[in-house]
Amino acid sequence: MARTPPLTIHCTATGAKLVAPMSESAICRRFVDAYARARGAAVVASADTPADGLVVALSFEPKGFASAAVTVMRGGKPSAPVSFNLAVSDRRFAPEDVDRLAADTATGVDLERSLQN
């Protein structure tokens, strides 16, 4: 049986100062790790846009709104981005919110991919 290669994710983040005490790169590392846990599969981070994989743009806004805009790459061709959102109105963002956003994203992307096949 052939092994499935790991999913490659290129991640960027803005608004990191709202997720204290994390840097943009730390947020992306945490997102990729949480995404892998949620999928139960191997995932690798990439500094470059992958030909096959995901491009994720994380954004954290001052009013407690976070989003993950996800573009699926296949053969170097991007799909239309899909957004996954998270709101926290009663407190500041915590590192665990990155985990929640990643888990929601993993579930949503898996559903989106299954509908396309």
PDB file of N, CA and C in Angstrom:
ATOM      1  N   MET A   1       0.845  -1.176   0.000  1.00  0.00           N
ATOM      2  CA  MET A   1       0.000   0.000   0.000  1.00  0.00           C
ATOM      3  C   MET A   1       0.887   1.234   0.000  1.00  0.00           C
ATOM      4  N   ALA A   2       0.601   2.185  -0.885  1.00  0.00           N
ATOM      5  CA  ALA A   2       1.413   3.394  -0.995  1.00  0.00           C
ATOM      6  C   ALA A   2       1.130   4.333   0.173  1.00  0.00           C
ATOM      7  N   ARG A   3       2.176   4.949   0.652  1.00  0.00           N
ATOM      8  CA  ARG A   3       2.037   5.930   1.727  1.00  0.00           C
ATOM      9  C   ARG A   3       1.594   7.259   1.159  1.00  0.00           C
ATOM     10  N   THR A   4       0.711   7.912   1.851  1.00  0.00           N
ATOM     11  CA  THR A   4       0.290   9.244   1.452  1.00  0.00           C
ATOM     12  C   THR A   4       1.374  10.230   1.865  1.00  0.00           C
ATOM     13  N   PRO A   5       1.850  11.065   0.930  1.00  0.00           N
ATOM     14  CA  PRO A   5       2.871  12.033   1.299  1.00  0.00           C
ATOM     15  C   PRO A   5       2.291  13.073   2.257  1.00  0.00           C
ATOM     16  N   PRO A   6       3.134  13.699   3.059  1.00  0.00           N
ATOM     17  CA  PRO A   6       2.617  14.711   3.980  1.00  0.00           C
ATOM     18  C   PRO A   6       2.041  15.902   3.223  1.00  0.00           C
ATOM     19  N   LEU A   7       1.045  16.516   3.801  1.00  0.00           N
ATOM     20  CA  LEU A   7       0.455  17.721   3.254  1.00  0.00           C
ATOM     21  C   LEU A   7       1.406  18.881   3.528  1.00  0.00           C
ATOM     22  N   THR A   8       1.672  19.703   2.520  1.00  0.00           N
ATOM     23  CA  THR A   8       2.556  20.856   2.667  1.00  0.00           C
ATOM     24  C   THR A   8       1.713  22.112   2.857  1.00  0.00           C
ATOM     25  N   ILE A   9       2.061  22.906   3.870  1.00  0.00           N
ATOM     26  CA  ILE A   9       1.343  24.144   4.154  1.00  0.00           C
ATOM     27  C   ILE A   9       2.322  25.308   4.180  1.00  0.00           C
ATOM     28  N   HIS A  10       2.007  26.340   3.409  1.00  0.00           N
ATOM     29  CA  HIS A  10       2.723  27.620   3.487  1.00  0.00           C
ATOM     30  C   HIS A  10       1.816  28.558   4.271  1.00  0.00           C
ATOM     31  N   CYS A  11       2.309  29.102   5.374  1.00  0.00           N
ATOM     32  CA  CYS A  11       1.497  29.901   6.277  1.00  0.00           C
ATOM     33  C   CYS A  11       2.093  31.284   6.467  1.00  0.00           C
ATOM     34  N   THR A  12       1.217  32.291   6.488  1.00  0.00           N
ATOM     35  CA  THR A  12       1.598  33.642   6.887  1.00  0.00           C
ATOM     36  C   THR A  12       0.596  34.103   7.939  1.00  0.00           C
ATOM     37  N   ALA A  13       1.009  35.046   8.774  1.00  0.00           N
ATOM     38  CA  ALA A  13       0.119  35.556   9.822  1.00  0.00           C
ATOM     39  C   ALA A  13       0.297  37.055   9.980  1.00  0.00           C
ATOM     40  N   THR A  14      -0.815  37.735  10.201  1.00  0.00           N
ATOM     41  CA  THR A  14      -0.790  39.153  10.533  1.00  0.00           C
ATOM     42  C   THR A  14      -1.554  39.351  11.833  1.00  0.00           C
ATOM     43  N   GLY A  15      -1.186  40.385  12.565  1.00  0.00           N
ATOM     44  CA  GLY A  15      -1.843  40.676  13.829  1.00  0.00           C
ATOM     45  C   GLY A  15      -1.330  39.856  14.988  1.00  0.00           C
ATOM     46  N   ALA A  16      -0.103  39.363  14.877  1.00  0.00           N
ATOM     47  CA  ALA A  16       0.464  38.490  15.920  1.00  0.00           C
ATOM     48  C   ALA A  16       0.511  39.167  17.284  1.00  0.00           C
ATOM     49  N   LYS A  17       0.677  40.471  17.317  1.00  0.00           N
ATOM     50  CA  LYS A  17       0.767  41.158  18.612  1.00  0.00           C
ATOM     51  C   LYS A  17      -0.511  40.988  19.427  1.00  0.00           C
ATOM     52  N   LEU A  18      -1.604  40.579  18.782  1.00  0.00           N
ATOM     53  CA  LEU A  18      -2.863  40.347  19.482  1.00  0.00           C
ATOM     54  C   LEU A  18      -2.936  38.957  20.099  1.00  0.00           C
ATOM     55  N   VAL A  19      -1.988  38.093  19.761  1.00  0.00           N
ATOM     56  CA  VAL A  19      -1.928  36.738  20.317  1.00  0.00           C
ATOM     57  C   VAL A  19      -0.656  36.663  21.156  1.00  0.00           C
ATOM     58  N   ALA A  20      -0.667  37.382  22.246  1.00  0.00           N
ATOM     59  CA  ALA A  20       0.528  37.455  23.096  1.00  0.00           C
ATOM     60  C   ALA A  20       0.776  36.108  23.745  1.00  0.00           C
ATOM     61  N   PRO A  21       1.966  35.725  23.903  1.00  0.00           N
ATOM     62  CA  PRO A  21       3.239  36.361  23.520  1.00  0.00           C
ATOM     63  C   PRO A  21       3.845  35.701  22.283  1.00  0.00           C
ATOM     64  N   MET A  22       3.116  35.588  21.202  1.00  0.00           N
ATOM     65  CA  MET A  22       3.577  34.819  20.046  1.00  0.00           C
ATOM     66  C   MET A  22       3.972  35.711  18.871  1.00  0.00           C
ATOM     67  N   SER A  23       4.997  35.272  18.152  1.00  0.00           N
ATOM     68  CA  SER A  23       5.407  35.935  16.918  1.00  0.00           C
ATOM     69  C   SER A  23       4.596  35.348  15.760  1.00  0.00           C
ATOM     70  N   GLU A  24       4.674  35.987  14.597  1.00  0.00           N
ATOM     71  CA  GLU A  24       3.971  35.460  13.425  1.00  0.00           C
ATOM     72  C   GLU A  24       4.454  34.062  13.067  1.00  0.00           C
ATOM     73  N   SER A  25       5.757  33.830  13.139  1.00  0.00           N
ATOM     74  CA  SER A  25       6.272  32.498  12.804  1.00  0.00           C
ATOM     75  C   SER A  25       5.839  31.462  13.843  1.00  0.00           C
ATOM     76  N   ALA A  26       5.769  31.852  15.115  1.00  0.00           N
ATOM     77  CA  ALA A  26       5.318  30.924  16.158  1.00  0.00           C
ATOM     78  C   ALA A  26       3.839  30.579  15.970  1.00  0.00           C
ATOM     79  N   ILE A  27       3.043  31.563  15.570  1.00  0.00           N
ATOM     80  CA  ILE A  27       1.621  31.314  15.311  1.00  0.00           C
ATOM     81  C   ILE A  27       1.481  30.318  14.162  1.00  0.00           C
ATOM     82  N   CYS A  28       2.245  30.512  13.101  1.00  0.00           N
ATOM     83  CA  CYS A  28       2.171  29.589  11.963  1.00  0.00           C
ATOM     84  C   CYS A  28       2.621  28.182  12.361  1.00  0.00           C
ATOM     85  N   ARG A  29       3.694  28.080  13.132  1.00  0.00           N
ATOM     86  CA  ARG A  29       4.149  26.747  13.584  1.00  0.00           C
ATOM     87  C   ARG A  29       3.046  26.068  14.399  1.00  0.00           C
ATOM     88  N   ARG A  30       2.446  26.837  15.301  1.00  0.00           N
ATOM     89  CA  ARG A  30       1.386  26.264  16.134  1.00  0.00           C
ATOM     90  C   ARG A  30       0.189  25.851  15.269  1.00  0.00           C
ATOM     91  N   PHE A  31      -0.176  26.682  14.302  1.00  0.00           N
ATOM     92  CA  PHE A  31      -1.289  26.364  13.408  1.00  0.00           C
ATOM     93  C   PHE A  31      -1.011  25.065  12.649  1.00  0.00           C
ATOM     94  N   VAL A  32       0.162  24.943  12.058  1.00  0.00           N
ATOM     95  CA  VAL A  32       0.512  23.743  11.282  1.00  0.00           C
ATOM     96  C   VAL A  32       0.490  22.504  12.172  1.00  0.00           C
ATOM     97  N   ASP A  33       1.041  22.606  13.380  1.00  0.00           N
ATOM     98  CA  ASP A  33       1.031  21.461  14.308  1.00  0.00           C
ATOM     99  C   ASP A  33      -0.392  21.071  14.697  1.00  0.00           C
ATOM    100  N   ALA A  34      -1.226  22.070  14.999  1.00  0.00           N
ATOM    101  CA  ALA A  34      -2.612  21.789  15.388  1.00  0.00           C
ATOM    102  C   ALA A  34      -3.407  21.229  14.207  1.00  0.00           C
ATOM    103  N   TYR A  35      -3.121  21.722  13.014  1.00  0.00           N
ATOM    104  CA  TYR A  35      -3.779  21.210  11.805  1.00  0.00           C
ATOM    105  C   TYR A  35      -3.434  19.725  11.632  1.00  0.00           C
ATOM    106  N   ALA A  36      -2.177  19.381  11.820  1.00  0.00           N
ATOM    107  CA  ALA A  36      -1.746  17.983  11.704  1.00  0.00           C
ATOM    108  C   ALA A  36      -2.448  17.100  12.737  1.00  0.00           C
ATOM    109  N   ARG A  37      -2.540  17.589  13.975  1.00  0.00           N
ATOM    110  CA  ARG A  37      -3.231  16.814  15.014  1.00  0.00           C
ATOM    111  C   ARG A  37      -4.707  16.613  14.649  1.00  0.00           C
ATOM    112  N   ALA A  38      -5.338  17.661  14.154  1.00  0.00           N
ATOM    113  CA  ALA A  38      -6.761  17.581  13.810  1.00  0.00           C
ATOM    114  C   ALA A  38      -7.008  16.604  12.660  1.00  0.00           C
ATOM    115  N   ARG A  39      -6.097  16.565  11.708  1.00  0.00           N
ATOM    116  CA  ARG A  39      -6.232  15.643  10.569  1.00  0.00           C
ATOM    117  C   ARG A  39      -5.773  14.242  10.912  1.00  0.00           C
ATOM    118  N   GLY A  40      -4.921  14.120  11.921  1.00  0.00           N
ATOM    119  CA  GLY A  40      -4.346  12.822  12.244  1.00  0.00           C
ATOM    120  C   GLY A  40      -3.421  12.343  11.151  1.00  0.00           C
ATOM    121  N   ALA A  41      -2.753  13.286  10.488  1.00  0.00           N
ATOM    122  CA  ALA A  41      -1.875  12.950   9.363  1.00  0.00           C
ATOM    123  C   ALA A  41      -0.654  13.861   9.378  1.00  0.00           C
ATOM    124  N   ALA A  42       0.341  13.452   8.615  1.00  0.00           N
ATOM    125  CA  ALA A  42       1.573  14.227   8.535  1.00  0.00           C
ATOM    126  C   ALA A  42       1.360  15.517   7.744  1.00  0.00           C
ATOM    127  N   VAL A  43       1.892  16.591   8.290  1.00  0.00           N
ATOM    128  CA  VAL A  43       1.828  17.909   7.665  1.00  0.00           C
ATOM    129  C   VAL A  43       3.202  18.535   7.831  1.00  0.00           C
ATOM    130  N   VAL A  44       3.683  19.200   6.780  1.00  0.00           N
ATOM    131  CA  VAL A  44       4.964  19.901   6.867  1.00  0.00           C
ATOM    132  C   VAL A  44       4.765  21.362   6.488  1.00  0.00           C
ATOM    133  N   ALA A  45       5.511  22.218   7.158  1.00  0.00           N
ATOM    134  CA  ALA A  45       5.489  23.648   6.854  1.00  0.00           C
ATOM    135  C   ALA A  45       6.483  23.929   5.740  1.00  0.00           C
ATOM    136  N   SER A  46       6.150  24.905   4.899  1.00  0.00           N
ATOM    137  CA  SER A  46       7.019  25.279   3.796  1.00  0.00           C
ATOM    138  C   SER A  46       7.184  26.796   3.788  1.00  0.00           C
ATOM    139  N   ALA A  47       8.387  27.248   3.514  1.00  0.00           N
ATOM    140  CA  ALA A  47       8.641  28.683   3.392  1.00  0.00           C
ATOM    141  C   ALA A  47       8.141  29.217   2.057  1.00  0.00           C
ATOM    142  N   ASP A  48       7.922  28.325   1.102  1.00  0.00           N
ATOM    143  CA  ASP A  48       7.488  28.713  -0.232  1.00  0.00           C
ATOM    144  C   ASP A  48       6.095  28.169  -0.528  1.00  0.00           C
ATOM    145  N   THR A  49       5.433  28.773  -1.492  1.00  0.00           N
ATOM    146  CA  THR A  49       4.130  28.283  -1.932  1.00  0.00           C
ATOM    147  C   THR A  49       4.316  26.911  -2.577  1.00  0.00           C
ATOM    148  N   PRO A  50       3.607  25.901  -2.078  1.00  0.00           N
ATOM    149  CA  PRO A  50       3.771  24.564  -2.651  1.00  0.00           C
ATOM    150  C   PRO A  50       3.005  24.409  -3.962  1.00  0.00           C
ATOM    151  N   ALA A  51       3.497  23.536  -4.836  1.00  0.00           N
ATOM    152  CA  ALA A  51       2.757  23.214  -6.058  1.00  0.00           C
ATOM    153  C   ALA A  51       1.493  22.439  -5.709  1.00  0.00           C
ATOM    154  N   ASP A  52       1.596  21.585  -4.691  1.00  0.00           N
ATOM    155  CA  ASP A  52       0.466  20.811  -4.184  1.00  0.00           C
ATOM    156  C   ASP A  52       0.442  20.956  -2.675  1.00  0.00           C
ATOM    157  N   GLY A  53      -0.637  21.467  -2.148  1.00  0.00           N
ATOM    158  CA  GLY A  53      -0.747  21.674  -0.710  1.00  0.00           C
ATOM    159  C   GLY A  53      -1.671  22.836  -0.423  1.00  0.00           C
ATOM    160  N   LEU A  54      -1.418  23.507   0.685  1.00  0.00           N
ATOM    161  CA  LEU A  54      -2.262  24.615   1.111  1.00  0.00           C
ATOM    162  C   LEU A  54      -1.447  25.880   1.310  1.00  0.00           C
ATOM    163  N   VAL A  55      -2.055  27.008   0.998  1.00  0.00           N
ATOM    164  CA  VAL A  55      -1.521  28.318   1.348  1.00  0.00           C
ATOM    165  C   VAL A  55      -2.519  28.902   2.340  1.00  0.00           C
ATOM    166  N   VAL A  56      -2.037  29.218   3.543  1.00  0.00           N
ATOM    167  CA  VAL A  56      -2.905  29.697   4.612  1.00  0.00           C
ATOM    168  C   VAL A  56      -2.461  31.094   5.028  1.00  0.00           C
ATOM    169  N   ALA A  57      -3.401  32.034   5.011  1.00  0.00           N
ATOM    170  CA  ALA A  57      -3.142  33.399   5.474  1.00  0.00           C
ATOM    171  C   ALA A  57      -3.980  33.633   6.721  1.00  0.00           C
ATOM    172  N   LEU A  58      -3.302  33.682   7.874  1.00  0.00           N
ATOM    173  CA  LEU A  58      -3.984  33.910   9.142  1.00  0.00           C
ATOM    174  C   LEU A  58      -4.032  35.405   9.431  1.00  0.00           C
ATOM    175  N   SER A  59      -5.142  35.857   9.975  1.00  0.00           N
ATOM    176  CA  SER A  59      -5.291  37.263  10.319  1.00  0.00           C
ATOM    177  C   SER A  59      -5.983  37.374  11.675  1.00  0.00           C
ATOM    178  N   PHE A  60      -5.410  38.188  12.560  1.00  0.00           N
ATOM    179  CA  PHE A  60      -5.979  38.438  13.882  1.00  0.00           C
ATOM    180  C   PHE A  60      -6.282  39.929  13.974  1.00  0.00           C
ATOM    181  N   GLU A  61      -7.558  40.257  14.216  1.00  0.00           N
ATOM    182  CA  GLU A  61      -8.011  41.646  14.231  1.00  0.00           C
ATOM    183  C   GLU A  61      -8.251  42.118  15.661  1.00  0.00           C
ATOM    184  N   PRO A  62      -8.111  43.422  15.915  1.00  0.00           N
ATOM    185  CA  PRO A  62      -8.248  43.957  17.271  1.00  0.00           C
ATOM    186  C   PRO A  62      -9.603  43.715  17.929  1.00  0.00           C
ATOM    187  N   LYS A  63     -10.660  43.577  17.176  1.00  0.00           N
ATOM    188  CA  LYS A  63     -11.989  43.398  17.782  1.00  0.00           C
ATOM    189  C   LYS A  63     -12.314  41.939  18.072  1.00  0.00           C
ATOM    190  N   GLY A  64     -11.295  41.074  18.137  1.00  0.00           N
ATOM    191  CA  GLY A  64     -11.515  39.681  18.510  1.00  0.00           C
ATOM    192  C   GLY A  64     -11.931  38.760  17.384  1.00  0.00           C
ATOM    193  N   PHE A  65     -11.604  39.138  16.163  1.00  0.00           N
ATOM    194  CA  PHE A  65     -11.970  38.332  15.006  1.00  0.00           C
ATOM    195  C   PHE A  65     -10.695  37.768  14.381  1.00  0.00           C
ATOM    196  N   ALA A  66     -10.681  36.462  14.140  1.00  0.00           N
ATOM    197  CA  ALA A  66      -9.538  35.814  13.487  1.00  0.00           C
ATOM    198  C   ALA A  66     -10.046  35.047  12.278  1.00  0.00           C
ATOM    199  N   SER A  67      -9.195  34.965  11.256  1.00  0.00           N
ATOM    200  CA  SER A  67      -9.594  34.202  10.075  1.00  0.00           C
ATOM    201  C   SER A  67      -8.399  33.455   9.503  1.00  0.00           C
ATOM    202  N   ALA A  68      -8.722  32.386   8.804  1.00  0.00           N
ATOM    203  CA  ALA A  68      -7.739  31.610   8.046  1.00  0.00           C
ATOM    204  C   ALA A  68      -8.267  31.539   6.623  1.00  0.00           C
ATOM    205  N   ALA A  69      -7.603  32.233   5.705  1.00  0.00           N
ATOM    206  CA  ALA A  69      -7.961  32.167   4.290  1.00  0.00           C
ATOM    207  C   ALA A  69      -7.103  31.063   3.679  1.00  0.00           C
ATOM    208  N   VAL A  70      -7.737  30.032   3.159  1.00  0.00           N
ATOM    209  CA  VAL A  70      -7.039  28.845   2.686  1.00  0.00           C
ATOM    210  C   VAL A  70      -7.213  28.692   1.179  1.00  0.00           C
ATOM    211  N   THR A  71      -6.090  28.557   0.496  1.00  0.00           N
ATOM    212  CA  THR A  71      -6.082  28.298  -0.940  1.00  0.00           C
ATOM    213  C   THR A  71      -5.477  26.914  -1.150  1.00  0.00           C
ATOM    214  N   VAL A  72      -6.212  26.040  -1.804  1.00  0.00           N
ATOM    215  CA  VAL A  72      -5.702  24.704  -2.120  1.00  0.00           C
ATOM    216  C   VAL A  72      -4.926  24.810  -3.427  1.00  0.00           C
ATOM    217  N   MET A  73      -3.683  24.308  -3.420  1.00  0.00           N
ATOM    218  CA  MET A  73      -2.845  24.302  -4.613  1.00  0.00           C
ATOM    219  C   MET A  73      -2.800  22.884  -5.175  1.00  0.00           C
ATOM    220  N   ARG A  74      -3.069  22.752  -6.466  1.00  0.00           N
ATOM    221  CA  ARG A  74      -2.959  21.461  -7.150  1.00  0.00           C
ATOM    222  C   ARG A  74      -2.229  21.686  -8.455  1.00  0.00           C
ATOM    223  N   GLY A  75      -1.083  21.054  -8.599  1.00  0.00           N
ATOM    224  CA  GLY A  75      -0.300  21.210  -9.819  1.00  0.00           C
ATOM    225  C   GLY A  75       0.106  22.651 -10.078  1.00  0.00           C
ATOM    226  N   GLY A  76       0.309  23.407  -9.001  1.00  0.00           N
ATOM    227  CA  GLY A  76       0.703  24.807  -9.123  1.00  0.00           C
ATOM    228  C   GLY A  76      -0.443  25.753  -9.396  1.00  0.00           C
ATOM    229  N   LYS A  77      -1.664  25.228  -9.472  1.00  0.00           N
ATOM    230  CA  LYS A  77      -2.833  26.062  -9.754  1.00  0.00           C
ATOM    231  C   LYS A  77      -3.647  26.249  -8.479  1.00  0.00           C
ATOM    232  N   PRO A  78      -3.951  27.517  -8.139  1.00  0.00           N
ATOM    233  CA  PRO A  78      -4.704  27.773  -6.908  1.00  0.00           C
ATOM    234  C   PRO A  78      -6.211  27.653  -7.098  1.00  0.00           C
ATOM    235  N   SER A  79      -6.874  27.172  -6.067  1.00  0.00           N
ATOM    236  CA  SER A  79      -8.333  27.192  -6.025  1.00  0.00           C
ATOM    237  C   SER A  79      -8.763  28.561  -5.507  1.00  0.00           C
ATOM    238  N   ALA A  80     -10.047  28.815  -5.521  1.00  0.00           N
ATOM    239  CA  ALA A  80     -10.551  30.036  -4.893  1.00  0.00           C
ATOM    240  C   ALA A  80     -10.355  29.902  -3.379  1.00  0.00           C
ATOM    241  N   PRO A  81      -9.913  30.958  -2.723  1.00  0.00           N
ATOM    242  CA  PRO A  81      -9.701  30.867  -1.274  1.00  0.00           C
ATOM    243  C   PRO A  81     -11.010  30.613  -0.525  1.00  0.00           C
ATOM    244  N   VAL A  82     -10.903  29.862   0.543  1.00  0.00           N
ATOM    245  CA  VAL A  82     -12.020  29.597   1.440  1.00  0.00           C
ATOM    246  C   VAL A  82     -11.611  30.135   2.806  1.00  0.00           C
ATOM    247  N   SER A  83     -12.525  30.844   3.480  1.00  0.00           N
ATOM    248  CA  SER A  83     -12.197  31.435   4.784  1.00  0.00           C
ATOM    249  C   SER A  83     -12.869  30.687   5.917  1.00  0.00           C
ATOM    250  N   PHE A  84     -12.124  30.557   6.995  1.00  0.00           N
ATOM    251  CA  PHE A  84     -12.620  29.974   8.239  1.00  0.00           C
ATOM    252  C   PHE A  84     -12.408  31.031   9.309  1.00  0.00           C
ATOM    253  N   ASN A  85     -13.419  31.231  10.162  1.00  0.00           N
ATOM    254  CA  ASN A  85     -13.384  32.345  11.105  1.00  0.00           C
ATOM    255  C   ASN A  85     -13.544  31.896  12.543  1.00  0.00           C
ATOM    256  N   LEU A  86     -13.043  32.747  13.429  1.00  0.00           N
ATOM    257  CA  LEU A  86     -13.141  32.519  14.860  1.00  0.00           C
ATOM    258  C   LEU A  86     -13.312  33.883  15.517  1.00  0.00           C
ATOM    259  N   ALA A  87     -14.225  33.979  16.478  1.00  0.00           N
ATOM    260  CA  ALA A  87     -14.421  35.241  17.200  1.00  0.00           C
ATOM    261  C   ALA A  87     -14.301  35.001  18.697  1.00  0.00           C
ATOM    262  N   VAL A  88     -13.619  35.913  19.346  1.00  0.00           N
ATOM    263  CA  VAL A  88     -13.526  35.923  20.810  1.00  0.00           C
ATOM    264  C   VAL A  88     -13.802  37.365  21.241  1.00  0.00           C
ATOM    265  N   SER A  89     -14.970  37.621  21.749  1.00  0.00           N
ATOM    266  CA  SER A  89     -15.347  38.999  22.061  1.00  0.00           C
ATOM    267  C   SER A  89     -15.116  39.381  23.511  1.00  0.00           C
ATOM    268  N   ASP A  90     -14.963  38.402  24.371  1.00  0.00           N
ATOM    269  CA  ASP A  90     -14.892  38.699  25.804  1.00  0.00           C
ATOM    270  C   ASP A  90     -13.484  38.648  26.384  1.00  0.00           C
ATOM    271  N   ARG A  91     -12.477  38.463  25.538  1.00  0.00           N
ATOM    272  CA  ARG A  91     -11.106  38.347  26.042  1.00  0.00           C
ATOM    273  C   ARG A  91     -10.118  38.542  24.904  1.00  0.00           C
ATOM    274  N   ARG A  92      -8.838  38.557  25.262  1.00  0.00           N
ATOM    275  CA  ARG A  92      -7.786  38.623  24.243  1.00  0.00           C
ATOM    276  C   ARG A  92      -7.588  37.238  23.623  1.00  0.00           C
ATOM    277  N   PHE A  93      -6.984  37.222  22.448  1.00  0.00           N
ATOM    278  CA  PHE A  93      -6.646  35.943  21.823  1.00  0.00           C
ATOM    279  C   PHE A  93      -5.618  35.208  22.679  1.00  0.00           C
ATOM    280  N   ALA A  94      -5.757  33.893  22.743  1.00  0.00           N
ATOM    281  CA  ALA A  94      -4.817  33.032  23.449  1.00  0.00           C
ATOM    282  C   ALA A  94      -4.231  32.042  22.440  1.00  0.00           C
ATOM    283  N   PRO A  95      -3.078  31.463  22.740  1.00  0.00           N
ATOM    284  CA  PRO A  95      -2.503  30.476  21.825  1.00  0.00           C
ATOM    285  C   PRO A  95      -3.471  29.336  21.484  1.00  0.00           C
ATOM    286  N   GLU A  96      -4.327  28.969  22.431  1.00  0.00           N
ATOM    287  CA  GLU A  96      -5.297  27.892  22.184  1.00  0.00           C
ATOM    288  C   GLU A  96      -6.291  28.264  21.086  1.00  0.00           C
ATOM    289  N   ASP A  97      -6.499  29.565  20.862  1.00  0.00           N
ATOM    290  CA  ASP A  97      -7.392  29.993  19.786  1.00  0.00           C
ATOM    291  C   ASP A  97      -6.803  29.644  18.414  1.00  0.00           C
ATOM    292  N   VAL A  98      -5.492  29.649  18.316  1.00  0.00           N
ATOM    293  CA  VAL A  98      -4.829  29.228  17.079  1.00  0.00           C
ATOM    294  C   VAL A  98      -5.134  27.753  16.834  1.00  0.00           C
ATOM    295  N   ASP A  99      -5.113  26.955  17.904  1.00  0.00           N
ATOM    296  CA  ASP A  99      -5.444  25.526  17.803  1.00  0.00           C
ATOM    297  C   ASP A  99      -6.884  25.332  17.319  1.00  0.00           C
ATOM    298  N   ARG A 100      -7.819  26.101  17.891  1.00  0.00           N
ATOM    299  CA  ARG A 100      -9.234  25.989  17.499  1.00  0.00           C
ATOM    300  C   ARG A 100      -9.425  26.356  16.035  1.00  0.00           C
ATOM    301  N   LEU A 101      -8.775  27.436  15.613  1.00  0.00           N
ATOM    302  CA  LEU A 101      -8.891  27.865  14.218  1.00  0.00           C
ATOM    303  C   LEU A 101      -8.313  26.802  13.281  1.00  0.00           C
ATOM    304  N   ALA A 102      -7.190  26.200  13.675  1.00  0.00           N
ATOM    305  CA  ALA A 102      -6.575  25.148  12.858  1.00  0.00           C
ATOM    306  C   ALA A 102      -7.479  23.917  12.762  1.00  0.00           C
ATOM    307  N   ALA A 103      -8.080  23.516  13.879  1.00  0.00           N
ATOM    308  CA  ALA A 103      -8.968  22.345  13.872  1.00  0.00           C
ATOM    309  C   ALA A 103     -10.193  22.599  13.003  1.00  0.00           C
ATOM    310  N   ASP A 104     -10.792  23.788  13.133  1.00  0.00           N
ATOM    311  CA  ASP A 104     -11.942  24.129  12.293  1.00  0.00           C
ATOM    312  C   ASP A 104     -11.553  24.146  10.818  1.00  0.00           C
ATOM    313  N   THR A 105     -10.374  24.672  10.540  1.00  0.00           N
ATOM    314  CA  THR A 105      -9.886  24.740   9.168  1.00  0.00           C
ATOM    315  C   THR A 105      -9.656  23.343   8.603  1.00  0.00           C
ATOM    316  N   ALA A 106      -9.036  22.476   9.393  1.00  0.00           N
ATOM    317  CA  ALA A 106      -8.769  21.104   8.931  1.00  0.00           C
ATOM    318  C   ALA A 106     -10.074  20.388   8.600  1.00  0.00           C
ATOM    319  N   THR A 107     -11.066  20.524   9.455  1.00  0.00           N
ATOM    320  CA  THR A 107     -12.361  19.893   9.211  1.00  0.00           C
ATOM    321  C   THR A 107     -13.004  20.469   7.958  1.00  0.00           C
ATOM    322  N   GLY A 108     -12.973  21.775   7.819  1.00  0.00           N
ATOM    323  CA  GLY A 108     -13.581  22.428   6.662  1.00  0.00           C
ATOM    324  C   GLY A 108     -12.885  22.105   5.359  1.00  0.00           C
ATOM    325  N   VAL A 109     -11.566  22.075   5.367  1.00  0.00           N
ATOM    326  CA  VAL A 109     -10.814  21.761   4.147  1.00  0.00           C
ATOM    327  C   VAL A 109     -11.041  20.314   3.751  1.00  0.00           C
ATOM    328  N   ASP A 110     -11.056  19.403   4.712  1.00  0.00           N
ATOM    329  CA  ASP A 110     -11.328  17.996   4.391  1.00  0.00           C
ATOM    330  C   ASP A 110     -12.716  17.840   3.778  1.00  0.00           C
ATOM    331  N   LEU A 111     -13.711  18.549   4.314  1.00  0.00           N
ATOM    332  CA  LEU A 111     -15.061  18.489   3.767  1.00  0.00           C
ATOM    333  C   LEU A 111     -15.080  19.068   2.354  1.00  0.00           C
ATOM    334  N   GLU A 112     -14.436  20.207   2.173  1.00  0.00           N
ATOM    335  CA  GLU A 112     -14.377  20.860   0.859  1.00  0.00           C
ATOM    336  C   GLU A 112     -13.719  19.938  -0.175  1.00  0.00           C
ATOM    337  N   ARG A 113     -12.619  19.289   0.208  1.00  0.00           N
ATOM    338  CA  ARG A 113     -11.912  18.395  -0.721  1.00  0.00           C
ATOM    339  C   ARG A 113     -12.759  17.173  -1.062  1.00  0.00           C
ATOM    340  N   SER A 114     -13.507  16.636  -0.064  1.00  0.00           N
ATOM    341  CA  SER A 114     -14.321  15.463  -0.349  1.00  0.00           C
ATOM    342  C   SER A 114     -15.473  15.806  -1.289  1.00  0.00           C
ATOM    343  N   LEU A 115     -15.978  17.026  -1.225  1.00  0.00           N
ATOM    344  CA  LEU A 115     -17.057  17.438  -2.121  1.00  0.00           C
ATOM    345  C   LEU A 115     -16.548  17.647  -3.534  1.00  0.00           C
ATOM    346  N   GLN A 116     -15.266  17.955  -3.693  1.00  0.00           N
ATOM    347  CA  GLN A 116     -14.686  18.172  -5.013  1.00  0.00           C
ATOM    348  C   GLN A 116     -14.327  16.862  -5.706  1.00  0.00           C
ATOM    349  N   ASN A 117     -14.153  15.794  -4.958  1.00  0.00           N
ATOM    350  CA  ASN A 117     -13.752  14.505  -5.545  1.00  0.00           C
ATOM    351  C   ASN A 117     -14.931  13.693  -6.000  1.00  0.00           C
TER     352      ASN A 117
END
